[in-house]
Amino acid sequence: MSALPRNLTTSTELHGVRWLRSSRSTGMNNCVETARPGAGRWAGLVAVRDSKNTAGPALLFDPEAWEGFITTLR
């Protein structure tokens, strides 16, 4: 079995996901958005994209890696 890609050239490949933006984001869209694909090839991963370019690329993380990143930021 081949490894999943860890990035997508366009976040529009993630159909039917709900993107969430931080409540601390300003009106200038200078934040990231996250989504948790619930089905398909990327189910169980955390997707992250730039809120200024919603059709742009998305990075994919294991939930544990994303939580570790967030914990480190706090």
PDB file of N, CA and C in Angstrom:
ATOM      1  N   MET A   1       0.837  -1.167   0.000  1.00  0.00           N
ATOM      2  CA  MET A   1       0.000   0.000   0.000  1.00  0.00           C
ATOM      3  C   MET A   1       0.891   1.243   0.000  1.00  0.00           C
ATOM      4  N   SER A   2       0.543   2.219  -0.817  1.00  0.00           N
ATOM      5  CA  SER A   2       1.351   3.433  -0.868  1.00  0.00           C
ATOM      6  C   SER A   2       0.924   4.398   0.236  1.00  0.00           C
ATOM      7  N   ALA A   3       1.836   5.246   0.651  1.00  0.00           N
ATOM      8  CA  ALA A   3       1.553   6.237   1.694  1.00  0.00           C
ATOM      9  C   ALA A   3       0.643   7.323   1.142  1.00  0.00           C
ATOM     10  N   LEU A   4      -0.176   7.855   2.007  1.00  0.00           N
ATOM     11  CA  LEU A   4      -1.041   8.953   1.611  1.00  0.00           C
ATOM     12  C   LEU A   4      -0.219  10.202   1.336  1.00  0.00           C
ATOM     13  N   PRO A   5      -0.662  11.039   0.421  1.00  0.00           N
ATOM     14  CA  PRO A   5       0.040  12.313   0.254  1.00  0.00           C
ATOM     15  C   PRO A   5      -0.170  13.149   1.504  1.00  0.00           C
ATOM     16  N   ARG A   6       0.782  13.939   1.854  1.00  0.00           N
ATOM     17  CA  ARG A   6       0.671  14.785   3.031  1.00  0.00           C
ATOM     18  C   ARG A   6       0.335  16.215   2.656  1.00  0.00           C
ATOM     19  N   ASN A   7       0.113  16.444   1.403  1.00  0.00           N
ATOM     20  CA  ASN A   7      -0.359  17.754   0.968  1.00  0.00           C
ATOM     21  C   ASN A   7      -1.195  17.575  -0.292  1.00  0.00           C
ATOM     22  N   LEU A   8      -2.096  18.501  -0.484  1.00  0.00           N
ATOM     23  CA  LEU A   8      -2.943  18.520  -1.676  1.00  0.00           C
ATOM     24  C   LEU A   8      -2.684  19.834  -2.390  1.00  0.00           C
ATOM     25  N   THR A   9      -2.616  19.792  -3.692  1.00  0.00           N
ATOM     26  CA  THR A   9      -2.353  21.029  -4.433  1.00  0.00           C
ATOM     27  C   THR A   9      -3.526  21.995  -4.366  1.00  0.00           C
ATOM     28  N   THR A  10      -4.712  21.478  -4.102  1.00  0.00           N
ATOM     29  CA  THR A  10      -5.874  22.341  -3.911  1.00  0.00           C
ATOM     30  C   THR A  10      -6.783  21.736  -2.845  1.00  0.00           C
ATOM     31  N   SER A  11      -7.227  22.571  -1.923  1.00  0.00           N
ATOM     32  CA  SER A  11      -8.083  22.086  -0.848  1.00  0.00           C
ATOM     33  C   SER A  11      -9.469  21.699  -1.357  1.00  0.00           C
ATOM     34  N   THR A  12      -9.792  22.060  -2.591  1.00  0.00           N
ATOM     35  CA  THR A  12     -11.093  21.680  -3.147  1.00  0.00           C
ATOM     36  C   THR A  12     -11.193  20.176  -3.391  1.00  0.00           C
ATOM     37  N   GLU A  13     -10.076  19.448  -3.291  1.00  0.00           N
ATOM     38  CA  GLU A  13     -10.118  17.988  -3.388  1.00  0.00           C
ATOM     39  C   GLU A  13     -10.829  17.363  -2.185  1.00  0.00           C
ATOM     40  N   LEU A  14     -10.959  18.117  -1.119  1.00  0.00           N
ATOM     41  CA  LEU A  14     -11.634  17.640   0.083  1.00  0.00           C
ATOM     42  C   LEU A  14     -13.104  18.025   0.005  1.00  0.00           C
ATOM     43  N   HIS A  15     -13.905  17.136  -0.526  1.00  0.00           N
ATOM     44  CA  HIS A  15     -15.320  17.409  -0.741  1.00  0.00           C
ATOM     45  C   HIS A  15     -16.116  17.205   0.544  1.00  0.00           C
ATOM     46  N   GLY A  16     -17.039  18.113   0.790  1.00  0.00           N
ATOM     47  CA  GLY A  16     -17.975  17.962   1.888  1.00  0.00           C
ATOM     48  C   GLY A  16     -17.393  18.158   3.284  1.00  0.00           C
ATOM     49  N   VAL A  17     -16.237  18.779   3.398  1.00  0.00           N
ATOM     50  CA  VAL A  17     -15.682  19.038   4.724  1.00  0.00           C
ATOM     51  C   VAL A  17     -16.126  20.410   5.206  1.00  0.00           C
ATOM     52  N   ARG A  18     -16.145  20.570   6.495  1.00  0.00           N
ATOM     53  CA  ARG A  18     -16.490  21.859   7.101  1.00  0.00           C
ATOM     54  C   ARG A  18     -15.210  22.499   7.611  1.00  0.00           C
ATOM     55  N   TRP A  19     -14.824  23.597   7.000  1.00  0.00           N
ATOM     56  CA  TRP A  19     -13.607  24.302   7.387  1.00  0.00           C
ATOM     57  C   TRP A  19     -13.915  25.220   8.550  1.00  0.00           C
ATOM     58  N   LEU A  20     -13.041  25.208   9.551  1.00  0.00           N
ATOM     59  CA  LEU A  20     -13.201  26.029  10.744  1.00  0.00           C
ATOM     60  C   LEU A  20     -12.049  27.013  10.847  1.00  0.00           C
ATOM     61  N   ARG A  21     -12.371  28.232  11.229  1.00  0.00           N
ATOM     62  CA  ARG A  21     -11.363  29.272  11.403  1.00  0.00           C
ATOM     63  C   ARG A  21     -11.285  29.627  12.884  1.00  0.00           C
ATOM     64  N   SER A  22     -10.119  29.959  13.334  1.00  0.00           N
ATOM     65  CA  SER A  22      -9.917  30.338  14.726  1.00  0.00           C
ATOM     66  C   SER A  22     -10.792  31.527  15.101  1.00  0.00           C
ATOM     67  N   SER A  23     -11.319  31.492  16.306  1.00  0.00           N
ATOM     68  CA  SER A  23     -12.106  32.620  16.799  1.00  0.00           C
ATOM     69  C   SER A  23     -11.227  33.849  17.008  1.00  0.00           C
ATOM     70  N   ARG A  24      -9.911  33.663  17.013  1.00  0.00           N
ATOM     71  CA  ARG A  24      -8.978  34.778  17.180  1.00  0.00           C
ATOM     72  C   ARG A  24      -8.559  35.393  15.841  1.00  0.00           C
ATOM     73  N   SER A  25      -9.083  34.883  14.763  1.00  0.00           N
ATOM     74  CA  SER A  25      -8.758  35.417  13.448  1.00  0.00           C
ATOM     75  C   SER A  25      -9.369  36.803  13.298  1.00  0.00           C
ATOM     76  N   THR A  26      -8.645  37.676  12.641  1.00  0.00           N
ATOM     77  CA  THR A  26      -9.169  39.016  12.399  1.00  0.00           C
ATOM     78  C   THR A  26      -9.979  39.021  11.111  1.00  0.00           C
ATOM     79  N   GLY A  27     -10.629  40.101  10.834  1.00  0.00           N
ATOM     80  CA  GLY A  27     -11.417  40.231   9.613  1.00  0.00           C
ATOM     81  C   GLY A  27     -10.577  40.261   8.351  1.00  0.00           C
ATOM     82  N   MET A  28      -9.266  40.304   8.492  1.00  0.00           N
ATOM     83  CA  MET A  28      -8.387  40.380   7.333  1.00  0.00           C
ATOM     84  C   MET A  28      -8.017  39.000   6.790  1.00  0.00           C
ATOM     85  N   ASN A  29      -8.603  37.948   7.320  1.00  0.00           N
ATOM     86  CA  ASN A  29      -8.328  36.572   6.865  1.00  0.00           C
ATOM     87  C   ASN A  29      -6.854  36.197   6.973  1.00  0.00           C
ATOM     88  N   ASN A  30      -6.204  36.613   8.022  1.00  0.00           N
ATOM     89  CA  ASN A  30      -4.793  36.266   8.180  1.00  0.00           C
ATOM     90  C   ASN A  30      -4.644  35.100   9.161  1.00  0.00           C
ATOM     91  N   CYS A  31      -5.257  34.012   8.819  1.00  0.00           N
ATOM     92  CA  CYS A  31      -5.289  32.863   9.705  1.00  0.00           C
ATOM     93  C   CYS A  31      -5.264  31.583   8.874  1.00  0.00           C
ATOM     94  N   VAL A  32      -5.311  30.477   9.543  1.00  0.00           N
ATOM     95  CA  VAL A  32      -5.470  29.197   8.866  1.00  0.00           C
ATOM     96  C   VAL A  32      -6.835  28.628   9.216  1.00  0.00           C
ATOM     97  N   GLU A  33      -7.292  27.723   8.392  1.00  0.00           N
ATOM     98  CA  GLU A  33      -8.537  27.010   8.634  1.00  0.00           C
ATOM     99  C   GLU A  33      -8.215  25.527   8.718  1.00  0.00           C
ATOM    100  N   THR A  34      -8.972  24.820   9.526  1.00  0.00           N
ATOM    101  CA  THR A  34      -8.771  23.377   9.660  1.00  0.00           C
ATOM    102  C   THR A  34     -10.062  22.638   9.346  1.00  0.00           C
ATOM    103  N   ALA A  35      -9.900  21.400   8.946  1.00  0.00           N
ATOM    104  CA  ALA A  35     -11.042  20.522   8.682  1.00  0.00           C
ATOM    105  C   ALA A  35     -10.632  19.099   9.025  1.00  0.00           C
ATOM    106  N   ARG A  36     -11.609  18.286   9.360  1.00  0.00           N
ATOM    107  CA  ARG A  36     -11.375  16.869   9.645  1.00  0.00           C
ATOM    108  C   ARG A  36     -12.211  16.033   8.682  1.00  0.00           C
ATOM    109  N   PRO A  37     -11.606  15.609   7.582  1.00  0.00           N
ATOM    110  CA  PRO A  37     -12.347  14.770   6.637  1.00  0.00           C
ATOM    111  C   PRO A  37     -12.874  13.519   7.349  1.00  0.00           C
ATOM    112  N   GLY A  38     -14.153  13.261   7.209  1.00  0.00           N
ATOM    113  CA  GLY A  38     -14.766  12.143   7.907  1.00  0.00           C
ATOM    114  C   GLY A  38     -14.892  10.887   7.074  1.00  0.00           C
ATOM    115  N   ALA A  39     -14.656  10.993   5.799  1.00  0.00           N
ATOM    116  CA  ALA A  39     -14.815   9.831   4.935  1.00  0.00           C
ATOM    117  C   ALA A  39     -13.809   9.912   3.797  1.00  0.00           C
ATOM    118  N   GLY A  40     -13.617   8.785   3.162  1.00  0.00           N
ATOM    119  CA  GLY A  40     -12.744   8.749   2.003  1.00  0.00           C
ATOM    120  C   GLY A  40     -11.282   8.565   2.353  1.00  0.00           C
ATOM    121  N   ARG A  41     -10.486   8.869   1.402  1.00  0.00           N
ATOM    122  CA  ARG A  41      -9.041   8.635   1.462  1.00  0.00           C
ATOM    123  C   ARG A  41      -8.338   9.345   2.612  1.00  0.00           C
ATOM    124  N   TRP A  42      -8.828  10.516   2.995  1.00  0.00           N
ATOM    125  CA  TRP A  42      -8.154  11.317   4.014  1.00  0.00           C
ATOM    126  C   TRP A  42      -8.863  11.289   5.367  1.00  0.00           C
ATOM    127  N   ALA A  43      -9.797  10.380   5.546  1.00  0.00           N
ATOM    128  CA  ALA A  43     -10.533  10.277   6.813  1.00  0.00           C
ATOM    129  C   ALA A  43      -9.566  10.079   7.971  1.00  0.00           C
ATOM    130  N   GLY A  44      -9.833  10.800   9.047  1.00  0.00           N
ATOM    131  CA  GLY A  44      -9.022  10.670  10.246  1.00  0.00           C
ATOM    132  C   GLY A  44      -7.857  11.627  10.327  1.00  0.00           C
ATOM    133  N   LEU A  45      -7.566  12.337   9.248  1.00  0.00           N
ATOM    134  CA  LEU A  45      -6.465  13.301   9.257  1.00  0.00           C
ATOM    135  C   LEU A  45      -7.011  14.704   9.525  1.00  0.00           C
ATOM    136  N   VAL A  46      -6.114  15.635   9.809  1.00  0.00           N
ATOM    137  CA  VAL A  46      -6.485  17.037   9.969  1.00  0.00           C
ATOM    138  C   VAL A  46      -5.935  17.785   8.757  1.00  0.00           C
ATOM    139  N   ALA A  47      -6.809  18.500   8.070  1.00  0.00           N
ATOM    140  CA  ALA A  47      -6.402  19.295   6.916  1.00  0.00           C
ATOM    141  C   ALA A  47      -6.279  20.753   7.354  1.00  0.00           C
ATOM    142  N   VAL A  48      -5.268  21.440   6.836  1.00  0.00           N
ATOM    143  CA  VAL A  48      -5.015  22.840   7.187  1.00  0.00           C
ATOM    144  C   VAL A  48      -4.779  23.619   5.894  1.00  0.00           C
ATOM    145  N   ARG A  49      -5.428  24.781   5.786  1.00  0.00           N
ATOM    146  CA  ARG A  49      -5.235  25.634   4.611  1.00  0.00           C
ATOM    147  C   ARG A  49      -5.160  27.096   5.025  1.00  0.00           C
ATOM    148  N   ASP A  50      -4.687  27.927   4.140  1.00  0.00           N
ATOM    149  CA  ASP A  50      -4.584  29.370   4.349  1.00  0.00           C
ATOM    150  C   ASP A  50      -5.958  29.996   4.117  1.00  0.00           C
ATOM    151  N   SER A  51      -6.437  30.767   5.067  1.00  0.00           N
ATOM    152  CA  SER A  51      -7.765  31.370   4.925  1.00  0.00           C
ATOM    153  C   SER A  51      -7.829  32.432   3.823  1.00  0.00           C
ATOM    154  N   LYS A  52      -6.675  32.938   3.391  1.00  0.00           N
ATOM    155  CA  LYS A  52      -6.661  33.923   2.301  1.00  0.00           C
ATOM    156  C   LYS A  52      -6.781  33.267   0.924  1.00  0.00           C
ATOM    157  N   ASN A  53      -6.533  31.970   0.857  1.00  0.00           N
ATOM    158  CA  ASN A  53      -6.542  31.259  -0.422  1.00  0.00           C
ATOM    159  C   ASN A  53      -7.278  29.938  -0.237  1.00  0.00           C
ATOM    160  N   THR A  54      -8.588  30.010  -0.150  1.00  0.00           N
ATOM    161  CA  THR A  54      -9.371  28.822   0.202  1.00  0.00           C
ATOM    162  C   THR A  54      -9.360  27.735  -0.867  1.00  0.00           C
ATOM    163  N   ALA A  55      -8.978  28.058  -2.081  1.00  0.00           N
ATOM    164  CA  ALA A  55      -8.863  27.037  -3.126  1.00  0.00           C
ATOM    165  C   ALA A  55      -7.420  26.569  -3.283  1.00  0.00           C
ATOM    166  N   GLY A  56      -6.535  27.129  -2.464  1.00  0.00           N
ATOM    167  CA  GLY A  56      -5.119  26.788  -2.547  1.00  0.00           C
ATOM    168  C   GLY A  56      -4.810  25.448  -1.893  1.00  0.00           C
ATOM    169  N   PRO A  57      -3.535  25.190  -1.680  1.00  0.00           N
ATOM    170  CA  PRO A  57      -3.114  23.891  -1.151  1.00  0.00           C
ATOM    171  C   PRO A  57      -3.560  23.666   0.295  1.00  0.00           C
ATOM    172  N   ALA A  58      -3.575  22.410   0.676  1.00  0.00           N
ATOM    173  CA  ALA A  58      -3.875  22.019   2.055  1.00  0.00           C
ATOM    174  C   ALA A  58      -2.808  21.030   2.518  1.00  0.00           C
ATOM    175  N   LEU A  59      -2.415  21.154   3.762  1.00  0.00           N
ATOM    176  CA  LEU A  59      -1.501  20.198   4.378  1.00  0.00           C
ATOM    177  C   LEU A  59      -2.318  19.226   5.208  1.00  0.00           C
ATOM    178  N   LEU A  60      -1.868  17.983   5.277  1.00  0.00           N
ATOM    179  CA  LEU A  60      -2.569  16.947   6.033  1.00  0.00           C
ATOM    180  C   LEU A  60      -1.683  16.449   7.166  1.00  0.00           C
ATOM    181  N   PHE A  61      -2.262  16.354   8.356  1.00  0.00           N
ATOM    182  CA  PHE A  61      -1.533  15.940   9.546  1.00  0.00           C
ATOM    183  C   PHE A  61      -2.261  14.810  10.256  1.00  0.00           C
ATOM    184  N   ASP A  62      -1.497  13.950  10.914  1.00  0.00           N
ATOM    185  CA  ASP A  62      -2.095  13.011  11.854  1.00  0.00           C
ATOM    186  C   ASP A  62      -2.642  13.842  13.007  1.00  0.00           C
ATOM    187  N   PRO A  63      -3.779  13.471  13.591  1.00  0.00           N
ATOM    188  CA  PRO A  63      -4.345  14.262  14.687  1.00  0.00           C
ATOM    189  C   PRO A  63      -3.368  14.463  15.850  1.00  0.00           C
ATOM    190  N   GLU A  64      -2.573  13.459  16.161  1.00  0.00           N
ATOM    191  CA  GLU A  64      -1.615  13.573  17.267  1.00  0.00           C
ATOM    192  C   GLU A  64      -0.547  14.622  16.954  1.00  0.00           C
ATOM    193  N   ALA A  65      -0.086  14.661  15.727  1.00  0.00           N
ATOM    194  CA  ALA A  65       0.921  15.652  15.331  1.00  0.00           C
ATOM    195  C   ALA A  65       0.334  17.060  15.390  1.00  0.00           C
ATOM    196  N   TRP A  66      -0.906  17.224  14.942  1.00  0.00           N
ATOM    197  CA  TRP A  66      -1.543  18.536  14.972  1.00  0.00           C
ATOM    198  C   TRP A  66      -1.744  18.992  16.417  1.00  0.00           C
ATOM    199  N   GLU A  67      -2.216  18.098  17.281  1.00  0.00           N
ATOM    200  CA  GLU A  67      -2.397  18.437  18.698  1.00  0.00           C
ATOM    201  C   GLU A  67      -1.072  18.825  19.341  1.00  0.00           C
ATOM    202  N   GLY A  68      -0.005  18.116  19.006  1.00  0.00           N
ATOM    203  CA  GLY A  68       1.317  18.456  19.526  1.00  0.00           C
ATOM    204  C   GLY A  68       1.743  19.838  19.090  1.00  0.00           C
ATOM    205  N   PHE A  69       1.472  20.188  17.852  1.00  0.00           N
ATOM    206  CA  PHE A  69       1.795  21.509  17.322  1.00  0.00           C
ATOM    207  C   PHE A  69       1.018  22.592  18.080  1.00  0.00           C
ATOM    208  N   ILE A  70      -0.283  22.390  18.248  1.00  0.00           N
ATOM    209  CA  ILE A  70      -1.122  23.357  18.954  1.00  0.00           C
ATOM    210  C   ILE A  70      -0.686  23.502  20.405  1.00  0.00           C
ATOM    211  N   THR A  71      -0.381  22.395  21.041  1.00  0.00           N
ATOM    212  CA  THR A  71       0.070  22.427  22.444  1.00  0.00           C
ATOM    213  C   THR A  71       1.369  23.223  22.558  1.00  0.00           C
ATOM    214  N   THR A  72       2.283  23.026  21.622  1.00  0.00           N
ATOM    215  CA  THR A  72       3.547  23.761  21.641  1.00  0.00           C
ATOM    216  C   THR A  72       3.309  25.267  21.474  1.00  0.00           C
ATOM    217  N   LEU A  73       2.359  25.650  20.634  1.00  0.00           N
ATOM    218  CA  LEU A  73       2.065  27.067  20.425  1.00  0.00           C
ATOM    219  C   LEU A  73       1.510  27.728  21.680  1.00  0.00           C
ATOM    220  N   ARG A  74       0.744  26.980  22.450  1.00  0.00           N
ATOM    221  CA  ARG A  74       0.134  27.555  23.656  1.00  0.00           C
ATOM    222  C   ARG A  74       1.207  27.848  24.666  1.00  0.00           C
TER     223      ARG A  74
END
